[in-house]
Protein backbone atom coordinates (compact mmCIF):
# COMPACT_ATOMS: atom_id res chain seq x y z
CA MET A 1 -1.17 -43.25 18.10
CA THR A 2 0.92 -44.23 14.83
CA LYS A 3 -1.79 -44.30 12.27
CA SER A 4 -2.72 -41.04 11.07
CA LEU A 5 -6.58 -39.98 11.89
CA PHE A 6 -7.08 -38.33 8.16
CA ASP A 7 -5.86 -42.22 6.90
CA SER A 8 -9.53 -43.05 8.08
CA PHE A 9 -11.62 -41.49 5.92
CA GLU A 10 -11.65 -41.35 1.57
CA LYS A 11 -9.87 -38.52 -0.22
CA VAL A 12 -13.03 -36.36 -1.80
CA SER A 13 -12.13 -34.28 -4.97
CA ALA A 14 -13.17 -30.76 -5.91
CA LYS A 15 -15.32 -32.65 -8.47
CA GLN A 16 -17.24 -34.59 -5.78
CA TRP A 17 -17.79 -31.47 -3.63
CA LYS A 18 -19.38 -29.95 -6.24
CA GLN A 19 -21.39 -32.44 -7.22
CA LYS A 20 -22.48 -32.71 -3.85
CA ILE A 21 -22.64 -28.54 -3.50
CA GLN A 22 -24.86 -28.83 -6.61
CA PHE A 23 -27.78 -31.31 -5.19
CA ASP A 24 -27.84 -29.23 -2.13
CA LEU A 25 -28.58 -26.04 -4.09
CA LYS A 26 -32.38 -28.31 -5.08
CA GLY A 27 -31.84 -26.86 -8.74
CA ALA A 28 -30.42 -23.49 -7.66
CA ASP A 29 -27.83 -22.45 -10.49
CA TYR A 30 -24.51 -22.84 -8.99
CA ASN A 31 -22.95 -19.85 -11.00
CA GLU A 32 -25.34 -17.61 -9.65
CA ALA A 33 -25.81 -18.56 -6.11
CA LEU A 34 -22.43 -19.21 -4.98
CA ILE A 35 -19.80 -17.71 -7.42
CA PHE A 36 -18.95 -14.06 -6.52
CA LYS A 37 -17.37 -12.02 -9.22
CA SER A 38 -15.30 -9.14 -7.56
CA LEU A 39 -13.97 -6.01 -8.36
CA GLU A 40 -11.10 -7.54 -10.49
CA GLY A 41 -13.12 -9.62 -12.45
CA ILE A 42 -11.64 -13.05 -10.21
CA ASP A 43 -14.29 -14.63 -9.76
CA VAL A 44 -14.42 -16.21 -6.06
CA LYS A 45 -15.52 -19.56 -5.37
CA PRO A 46 -17.66 -21.32 -2.35
CA PHE A 47 -14.82 -23.62 -1.61
CA TYR A 48 -10.52 -24.33 -2.27
CA ASP A 49 -8.91 -27.76 -1.95
CA GLN A 50 -5.46 -28.42 -2.90
CA GLU A 51 -6.20 -28.62 -6.72
CA ASP A 52 -6.27 -24.81 -6.55
CA LEU A 53 -2.49 -24.80 -6.21
CA LEU A 54 -1.42 -27.62 -8.49
CA HIS A 55 -0.35 -24.76 -10.79
CA SER A 56 0.71 -21.83 -7.88
CA ASN A 57 3.58 -20.18 -9.07
CA ASN A 58 3.90 -17.88 -5.46
CA ARG A 59 7.44 -18.79 -4.18
CA ALA A 60 8.01 -15.11 -3.09
CA SER A 61 9.83 -14.37 0.08
CA HIS A 62 8.34 -13.12 2.78
CA PRO A 63 9.22 -10.92 6.22
CA SER A 64 10.05 -13.04 9.17
CA ILE A 65 8.99 -9.76 11.15
CA TRP A 66 7.35 -6.69 10.42
CA LYS A 67 8.09 -2.83 12.39
CA ASN A 68 5.30 -1.17 13.78
CA SER A 69 5.20 2.38 12.53
CA LEU A 70 3.85 6.03 13.36
CA LYS A 71 4.29 8.58 10.15
CA ILE A 72 5.39 12.11 11.26
CA GLU A 73 4.91 15.31 9.58
CA VAL A 74 7.42 17.60 10.08
CA THR A 75 6.82 21.38 10.50
CA ASP A 76 9.48 22.06 12.77
CA THR A 77 12.94 19.94 13.77
CA ALA A 78 12.32 19.88 17.63
CA SER A 79 9.16 18.55 17.93
CA GLY A 80 9.06 16.41 15.11
CA ASN A 81 12.29 15.30 16.94
CA GLN A 82 10.31 14.96 20.07
CA LYS A 83 7.33 13.22 18.67
CA ALA A 84 9.83 10.52 17.53
CA VAL A 85 11.82 9.82 20.73
CA GLU A 86 8.50 9.95 22.65
CA ALA A 87 6.14 7.34 20.54
CA ILE A 88 9.67 4.98 20.82
CA LYS A 89 9.34 4.99 23.95
CA LYS A 90 5.51 3.94 24.16
CA GLY A 91 6.58 0.99 21.35
CA THR A 92 7.05 2.42 18.85
CA GLU A 93 9.54 0.32 16.09
CA SER A 94 9.95 2.55 13.08
CA ILE A 95 9.51 6.49 12.55
CA TYR A 96 8.12 7.55 8.84
CA PHE A 97 9.19 11.43 8.91
CA VAL A 98 7.42 13.65 6.32
CA ILE A 99 9.33 16.50 5.66
CA GLU A 100 7.77 19.73 4.34
CA LYS A 101 10.93 22.22 4.16
CA ASP A 102 14.55 22.26 3.69
CA THR A 103 14.89 24.30 6.66
CA ILE A 104 14.34 20.83 8.75
CA GLU A 105 17.54 19.64 10.40
CA PRO A 106 18.92 16.26 9.54
CA LYS A 107 21.06 15.64 12.25
CA GLU A 108 18.95 17.34 14.99
CA LEU A 109 15.93 15.21 13.88
CA ILE A 110 16.63 11.90 14.64
CA GLN A 111 18.59 12.80 17.69
CA GLY A 112 18.31 10.59 20.29
CA ILE A 113 17.37 7.64 17.78
CA THR A 114 18.37 4.27 18.22
CA SER A 115 19.79 1.59 15.85
CA GLU A 116 16.65 -0.50 16.35
CA VAL A 117 14.95 1.68 14.72
CA SER A 118 14.44 2.08 11.34
CA ILE A 119 13.93 5.77 9.66
CA PHE A 120 12.00 6.46 6.52
CA ILE A 121 12.63 10.19 5.41
CA GLU A 122 10.18 11.53 2.69
CA THR A 123 10.50 14.78 1.22
CA LYS A 124 7.60 17.28 -0.56
CA PHE A 125 10.78 18.36 -2.10
CA LEU A 126 13.80 17.69 -4.71
CA SER A 127 16.88 18.39 -3.33
CA THR A 128 20.25 16.37 -3.96
CA SER A 129 22.31 18.84 -1.08
CA TYR A 130 19.64 17.85 1.45
CA ILE A 131 19.58 14.03 0.56
CA LYS A 132 23.06 14.66 0.73
CA LYS A 133 22.90 15.60 4.53
CA ILE A 134 20.80 13.11 5.12
CA ASN A 135 23.39 10.64 3.96
CA GLU A 136 26.38 12.58 5.96
CA VAL A 137 24.15 11.77 9.24
CA SER A 138 23.89 7.55 8.23
CA LYS A 139 27.64 7.53 7.45
CA THR A 140 28.75 8.75 10.62
CA SER A 141 25.88 7.01 12.41
CA ASP A 142 24.60 3.28 12.55
CA LEU A 143 20.52 4.18 11.72
CA ASN A 144 18.92 2.62 8.72
CA ILE A 145 17.66 5.27 6.72
CA TYR A 146 15.99 4.65 3.82
CA VAL A 147 14.98 7.65 1.81
CA LEU A 148 11.94 7.55 -0.18
CA THR A 149 11.88 9.39 -3.77
CA ASP A 150 9.71 9.29 -6.13
CA ILE A 151 9.55 11.57 -9.43
CA ILE A 152 7.46 9.76 -11.55
CA GLY A 153 5.11 9.66 -8.41
CA ASN A 154 5.32 13.27 -7.81
CA LEU A 155 4.13 13.68 -11.38
CA ALA A 156 1.20 11.43 -11.54
CA SER A 157 -0.09 13.12 -8.46
CA THR A 158 0.49 17.00 -9.58
CA GLY A 159 0.64 16.45 -12.98
CA ASN A 160 4.52 18.18 -12.95
CA TRP A 161 7.64 16.97 -12.04
CA PHE A 162 9.82 18.88 -9.11
CA ASN A 163 11.48 20.71 -11.82
CA ASN A 164 11.86 19.45 -15.62
CA LEU A 165 12.33 15.74 -17.10
CA LYS A 166 15.76 16.02 -17.46
CA GLU A 167 16.94 17.96 -13.91
CA ASP A 168 14.36 15.71 -11.72
CA HIS A 169 16.33 12.63 -13.50
CA HIS A 170 19.55 13.82 -13.06
CA SER A 171 18.83 14.41 -9.48
CA LEU A 172 17.86 10.79 -9.35
CA THR A 173 21.11 9.39 -10.61
CA GLU A 174 23.15 11.54 -7.71
CA LEU A 175 20.96 10.21 -5.08
CA ALA A 176 21.73 6.69 -6.97
CA LYS A 177 25.29 7.22 -5.35
CA LEU A 178 24.65 7.96 -1.61
CA ASN A 179 23.00 4.40 -1.84
CA THR A 180 26.07 3.02 0.00
CA HIS A 181 25.06 4.55 3.08
CA LEU A 182 21.37 4.86 2.73
CA LYS A 183 19.29 1.86 2.66
CA SER A 184 17.51 3.09 0.16
CA THR A 185 16.73 6.41 -2.06
CA ILE A 186 14.10 5.47 -4.41
CA SER A 187 9.94 4.67 -4.06
CA ILE A 188 7.15 3.28 -5.41
CA ASP A 189 3.77 5.39 -4.62
CA ILE A 190 1.45 2.73 -4.95
CA ASP A 191 -0.86 4.78 -2.14
CA LEU A 192 -2.13 7.23 -5.02
CA TYR A 193 -3.41 4.74 -7.91
CA GLN A 194 -5.45 2.98 -4.57
CA ASN A 195 -6.80 5.69 -2.78
CA ALA A 196 -7.76 7.44 -6.27
CA GLY A 197 -10.56 3.89 -7.44
CA ALA A 198 -7.65 1.68 -9.26
CA THR A 199 -8.27 -2.10 -8.98
CA MET A 200 -5.69 -4.41 -7.08
CA ILE A 201 -4.99 -5.68 -10.83
CA GLN A 202 -4.33 -2.23 -11.52
CA GLN A 203 -2.34 -0.84 -8.90
CA LEU A 204 -0.15 -4.27 -9.02
CA ALA A 205 0.58 -3.32 -12.94
CA TYR A 206 0.85 0.29 -12.53
CA ALA A 207 3.12 -0.67 -9.69
CA LEU A 208 5.26 -2.68 -11.93
CA ALA A 209 5.25 -0.73 -14.76
CA HIS A 210 5.72 2.61 -12.17
CA ALA A 211 9.03 0.86 -10.99
CA ASN A 212 10.02 -0.49 -15.43
CA GLU A 213 10.51 3.20 -15.90
CA TYR A 214 13.22 3.63 -13.08
CA LEU A 215 14.89 -0.05 -14.12
CA ASN A 216 14.75 1.16 -17.54
CA TYR A 217 16.79 4.46 -16.63
CA PHE A 218 19.53 2.73 -14.13
CA ASN A 219 20.02 -0.53 -16.62
CA ASP A 220 22.38 1.26 -18.18
CA LYS A 221 24.02 3.26 -15.55
CA GLU A 222 27.16 3.27 -13.98
CA THR A 223 25.39 3.24 -10.76
CA ASN A 224 22.46 1.33 -10.49
CA PRO A 225 20.92 2.08 -6.65
CA PHE A 226 18.99 -1.23 -7.48
CA LYS A 227 22.13 -3.94 -7.74
CA GLU A 228 22.58 -4.44 -3.93
CA SER A 229 19.51 -2.11 -2.57
CA PRO A 230 15.59 -2.81 -1.77
CA ILE A 231 13.02 -0.85 -3.66
CA VAL A 232 10.38 0.83 -1.61
CA PHE A 233 6.64 0.12 -1.95
CA LYS A 234 4.45 2.27 -0.23
CA VAL A 235 1.05 0.35 -0.08
CA ALA A 236 -2.64 1.63 0.68
CA VAL A 237 -4.24 -1.60 2.47
CA GLY A 238 -8.08 -1.31 1.16
CA GLY A 239 -11.22 -3.25 3.10
CA ASN A 240 -11.33 -6.33 0.89
CA TYR A 241 -9.30 -8.34 3.83
CA PHE A 242 -8.60 -11.56 2.08
CA PHE A 243 -7.73 -10.28 -1.33
CA GLU A 244 -5.37 -7.58 0.65
CA ILE A 245 -3.60 -10.06 1.70
CA ALA A 246 -2.82 -11.94 -1.76
CA LYS A 247 -2.09 -8.13 -3.67
CA LEU A 248 0.92 -7.75 -0.95
CA ARG A 249 1.70 -11.42 -1.19
CA ALA A 250 1.38 -10.32 -5.65
CA LEU A 251 3.22 -7.73 -5.53
CA ARG A 252 6.47 -9.49 -4.30
CA LEU A 253 5.71 -11.89 -6.47
CA LEU A 254 6.00 -9.18 -9.64
CA TRP A 255 8.63 -7.81 -7.97
CA SER A 256 10.75 -10.62 -8.09
CA THR A 257 9.76 -11.79 -11.69
CA LEU A 258 10.88 -8.12 -13.02
CA ALA A 259 13.54 -7.98 -11.19
CA THR A 260 15.25 -10.89 -12.81
CA GLU A 261 15.19 -10.14 -15.50
CA TYR A 262 17.49 -6.76 -14.91
CA ASN A 263 19.78 -9.05 -12.93
CA VAL A 264 19.00 -6.64 -9.53
CA SER A 265 17.87 -7.49 -6.44
CA GLU A 266 14.56 -9.20 -5.78
CA LYS A 267 14.19 -7.94 -2.28
CA CYS A 268 11.33 -5.16 -1.55
CA HIS A 269 10.82 -3.31 1.25
CA ILE A 270 7.02 -3.20 1.39
CA ILE A 271 5.62 -0.11 4.05
CA ALA A 272 1.66 -0.79 4.21
CA TYR A 273 -1.01 1.40 5.83
CA PRO A 274 -4.67 1.65 5.43
CA SER A 275 -6.46 3.37 2.87
CA HIS A 276 -8.36 6.70 3.09
CA ARG A 277 -10.79 5.59 0.55
CA ASN A 278 -13.57 4.19 2.23
CA LYS A 279 -12.78 6.15 5.98
CA THR A 280 -15.67 8.16 6.28
CA ILE A 281 -16.62 10.66 8.58
CA LEU A 282 -20.16 9.81 9.48
CA ASP A 283 -19.77 7.38 11.98
CA TYR A 284 -16.25 7.73 12.54
CA ASN A 285 -15.49 5.65 15.14
CA VAL A 286 -16.22 2.56 13.00
CA ASN A 287 -12.93 3.62 10.86
CA MET A 288 -11.39 2.12 13.85
CA LEU A 289 -12.26 -1.37 12.98
CA ARG A 290 -11.29 -0.72 9.31
CA THR A 291 -7.96 0.55 10.22
CA THR A 292 -7.47 -2.77 12.30
CA THR A 293 -8.64 -5.12 9.63
CA GLU A 294 -6.42 -3.18 7.02
CA CYS A 295 -3.08 -3.50 9.51
CA MET A 296 -4.16 -7.45 10.07
CA SER A 297 -3.63 -7.50 6.14
CA ALA A 298 -0.65 -5.58 5.56
CA ILE A 299 0.64 -8.12 8.37
CA LEU A 300 -0.55 -10.83 7.08
CA GLY A 301 0.52 -10.13 3.06
CA GLY A 302 3.64 -9.94 4.19
CA ALA A 303 4.39 -5.88 5.12
CA ASP A 304 7.69 -5.33 6.15
CA THR A 305 6.66 -1.76 7.61
CA VAL A 306 3.34 -0.92 9.16
CA TYR A 307 1.77 2.53 10.37
CA ASN A 308 -1.66 3.28 11.13
CA LEU A 309 -4.01 5.78 10.19
CA PRO A 310 -5.61 7.53 13.31
CA TYR A 311 -9.34 7.17 12.89
CA ASP A 312 -9.83 10.60 13.17
CA ASN A 313 -7.29 11.35 10.65
CA ILE A 314 -9.83 12.80 8.14
CA TYR A 315 -11.06 15.54 9.41
CA ASN A 316 -8.97 16.49 12.53
CA LEU A 317 -5.21 17.65 12.93
CA GLU A 318 -2.61 15.31 14.39
CA ASN A 319 -3.51 15.23 18.19
CA ASP A 320 -2.40 12.47 21.00
CA PHE A 321 -5.45 11.00 21.27
CA GLY A 322 -6.02 10.03 18.05
CA THR A 323 -2.11 9.12 17.52
CA ARG A 324 -2.16 6.58 20.75
CA ILE A 325 -5.20 4.73 19.55
CA SER A 326 -3.36 4.15 16.35
CA LEU A 327 -0.59 2.74 17.84
CA ASN A 328 -1.95 0.55 20.27
CA GLN A 329 -3.91 -0.96 17.46
CA LEU A 330 -0.53 -1.99 15.92
CA LEU A 331 0.66 -3.04 19.66
CA ILE A 332 -2.02 -4.99 20.28
CA LEU A 333 -1.73 -6.99 17.08
CA LYS A 334 1.79 -8.30 18.00
CA ASN A 335 1.91 -7.94 21.48
CA GLU A 336 -1.07 -9.71 22.54
CA SER A 337 -2.40 -10.76 19.20
CA TYR A 338 0.73 -12.52 18.24
CA PHE A 339 0.64 -11.99 14.83
CA ASP A 340 4.32 -12.41 14.97
CA ILE A 341 4.79 -15.59 16.32
CA VAL A 342 3.82 -17.76 12.92
CA GLU A 343 6.46 -16.74 9.84
CA ASN A 344 4.33 -16.52 6.18
CA PRO A 345 0.70 -17.69 8.16
CA ALA A 346 -1.14 -17.33 5.14
CA SER A 347 1.08 -19.60 3.18
CA GLY A 348 -0.60 -22.95 1.70
CA SER A 349 -4.82 -20.94 2.50
CA TYR A 350 -5.34 -22.26 -0.75
CA TYR A 351 -8.16 -19.68 -0.97
CA ILE A 352 -5.52 -16.86 -0.59
CA GLU A 353 -2.65 -18.64 -2.60
CA SER A 354 -5.04 -18.95 -5.52
CA ILE A 355 -6.07 -15.10 -5.39
CA THR A 356 -2.05 -14.21 -5.18
CA ASP A 357 -1.61 -16.07 -8.61
CA GLN A 358 -4.52 -14.79 -10.24
CA LEU A 359 -4.16 -11.17 -9.11
CA ALA A 360 0.06 -11.56 -10.45
CA GLY A 361 -0.71 -13.55 -13.61
CA ASN A 362 -3.86 -10.40 -14.71
CA ALA A 363 -1.44 -7.81 -13.16
CA LEU A 364 1.31 -9.12 -15.36
CA SER A 365 -1.00 -9.04 -18.36
CA LEU A 366 -1.98 -5.62 -18.03
CA PHE A 367 1.93 -4.53 -17.58
CA LYS A 368 2.71 -6.06 -20.73
CA ASN A 369 0.16 -4.16 -22.33
CA ILE A 370 1.27 -1.45 -20.98
CA GLU A 371 4.95 -1.31 -21.92
CA GLU A 372 3.65 -2.26 -25.64
CA GLY A 373 1.83 1.00 -25.60
CA GLY A 374 4.77 2.74 -25.06
CA GLY A 375 5.60 2.15 -21.27
CA PHE A 376 4.07 3.74 -17.71
CA LEU A 377 5.40 7.66 -18.77
CA ASN A 378 4.25 7.63 -22.17
CA GLN A 379 0.59 6.03 -20.88
CA LEU A 380 0.60 8.64 -18.25
CA LYS A 381 1.12 11.48 -20.52
CA SER A 382 -1.36 10.75 -23.09
CA GLY A 383 -3.75 10.06 -20.22
CA THR A 384 -4.29 6.72 -20.35
CA ILE A 385 -3.69 5.54 -16.97
CA GLN A 386 -6.22 8.33 -15.65
CA LYS A 387 -8.97 7.29 -18.12
CA LYS A 388 -8.28 3.15 -16.88
CA ILE A 389 -8.47 4.43 -12.84
CA LYS A 390 -11.44 6.83 -13.69
CA GLU A 391 -13.65 4.15 -15.15
CA SER A 392 -12.45 1.88 -11.99
CA ALA A 393 -13.21 4.07 -9.72
CA LEU A 394 -16.80 5.78 -11.50
CA LYS A 395 -17.80 1.09 -11.44
CA GLU A 396 -16.91 1.22 -7.51
CA GLN A 397 -18.67 4.53 -7.11
CA GLU A 398 -22.05 3.06 -8.56
CA LEU A 399 -21.90 0.50 -6.28
CA PHE A 400 -21.29 2.21 -3.06
CA ASP A 401 -24.09 4.69 -4.67
CA ASN A 402 -26.51 1.74 -4.78
CA GLU A 403 -25.39 0.50 -2.16
CA GLU A 404 -23.49 -3.02 -2.76
CA ILE A 405 -20.16 -1.50 -0.97
CA ILE A 406 -21.32 -0.90 2.26
CA LEU A 407 -20.37 1.54 4.74
CA THR A 408 -21.45 1.10 8.13
CA GLY A 409 -23.11 4.19 9.07
CA THR A 410 -22.64 6.20 6.40
CA ASN A 411 -24.58 4.58 2.95
CA LYS A 412 -26.31 2.46 5.00
CA TYR A 413 -27.73 1.92 9.21
CA ARG A 414 -27.16 5.81 9.41
CA ASN A 415 -27.75 7.52 12.62
CA PRO A 416 -29.64 10.09 11.47
CA GLU A 417 -29.59 11.95 14.66
CA GLU A 418 -26.00 11.94 14.16
CA ILE A 419 -24.07 15.33 14.40
CA THR A 420 -20.98 15.35 12.14
CA PRO A 421 -18.22 16.65 13.80
CA THR A 422 -15.95 19.89 13.43
CA PHE A 423 -13.39 19.82 10.82
CA GLN A 424 -9.90 21.29 12.21
CA LYS A 425 -8.42 21.39 8.50
CA GLN A 426 -9.65 21.31 5.23
CA VAL A 427 -11.82 17.82 3.96
CA PHE A 428 -13.05 18.61 0.70
CA SER A 429 -9.99 20.49 -1.62
CA GLU A 430 -11.00 23.13 -4.10
CA LYS A 431 -10.16 23.45 -7.05
CA LYS A 432 -6.99 25.26 -7.67
CA VAL A 433 -6.69 26.14 -11.54
CA ARG A 434 -2.87 25.83 -12.17
CA LYS A 435 -0.66 24.46 -15.01
CA THR A 436 -0.20 21.05 -15.69
CA LEU A 437 1.88 19.06 -17.88
CA LEU A 438 -0.65 16.33 -17.69
CA GLU A 439 -3.87 15.44 -15.65
CA PRO A 440 -2.88 14.26 -12.13
CA VAL A 441 -4.56 11.37 -10.63
CA LEU A 442 -6.88 12.71 -7.54
CA LYS A 443 -7.57 10.71 -4.67
CA ARG A 444 -11.41 11.01 -3.55
CA ARG A 445 -12.66 8.79 -0.94
CA LEU A 446 -16.01 6.71 -1.92
CA SER A 447 -18.16 8.92 0.72
CA HIS A 448 -16.69 12.11 -0.19
CA PHE A 449 -20.35 13.09 -1.70
CA ILE A 450 -22.52 12.25 1.27
CA ASP A 451 -20.05 13.61 3.74
CA LYS A 452 -20.14 16.39 1.65
CA LYS A 453 -23.73 16.91 1.55
CA THR A 454 -23.84 16.63 5.77
CA GLN A 455 -22.15 20.30 5.34
């Protein structure tokens, strides 16, 4: 057949489609009946076509493949290494170590791990001497090691610096000198803002403003870690499937725009994982469905590394069954669902491209407002960032309480005979009175109050 099948049909414009829809509505208002306004203030239309891409600027890069990862909280060197080696045998392609104390030996921790496996190391403390140990390990091996250090993220989440502003920034300068052997030394924790209730536009704008603080700091320094090495973004993915795909795409686009202004590497590495915010204790098995779709959003959105959240992570200590299920979800997406066969699968989707552009454009406007207001750190110290996140979280909480946002089995379709599971770890954090430099940004699940009533 030489003639395209589509040549047999007349082209239909968006205006014609809308006229047809309005006719079929039989007098109902098009905007009220079919336009949905998201929490981000973006109008979701009933249809999209090529005209929605006429002004699209989405030219950000997209990774050709992602790596499945496992997050391991390390309290003991031997057990941390054992968990990593076993996970690799079961199909994990990357390991994300969270190190609690400086007595953990990096060389012993990564023993038996080959160069095909990427390693991410986050420390709960700030120590240049400890990172130098990791650097020495990287220097004498061919491993790809990323160190995740975020002094501003620590300030935002705890209300305090690790030590103080001057010492923390001095440590950051020292870490930057290690980038010749480590893949990266600085990360941006967007997870905090998402789990605290920030909208996607706020998450993106705060990520950009957060990163801009580091770019400004290193701009006149002799050693700039962003010149060659990628910045790492840690991103929590929520349940709004298509919007979350667009969020990750918008993040790459925004970083590329900002990096160009500073003449640094436009590459970024995105580690994505399911959010805690919409996870529940009631009907907790549904968490498996939520984490699956959220991992799908992460993959289709272009994350470089994806780790999953065990369905019982809220109330249960790390256990073999929960870990196995979470890893198998990722393995099914890669090896049975073939999500890695098509490169950049969301590209060209009128709907996703449109949302991507709108999220990026609105986030860029908010970022500019933050910079005009003195920058991210100033607005964090004044409490402006915390106030804005609280307002967004309250709005979302009201929608949840009124069953306009539904978590099946928790605020709707709940099983009245359900018995809540036994808690093996602290679920509802107790208020600790402590002196802080500023009000910390606090994470909170939507079902927090419902879950607490069941106790």
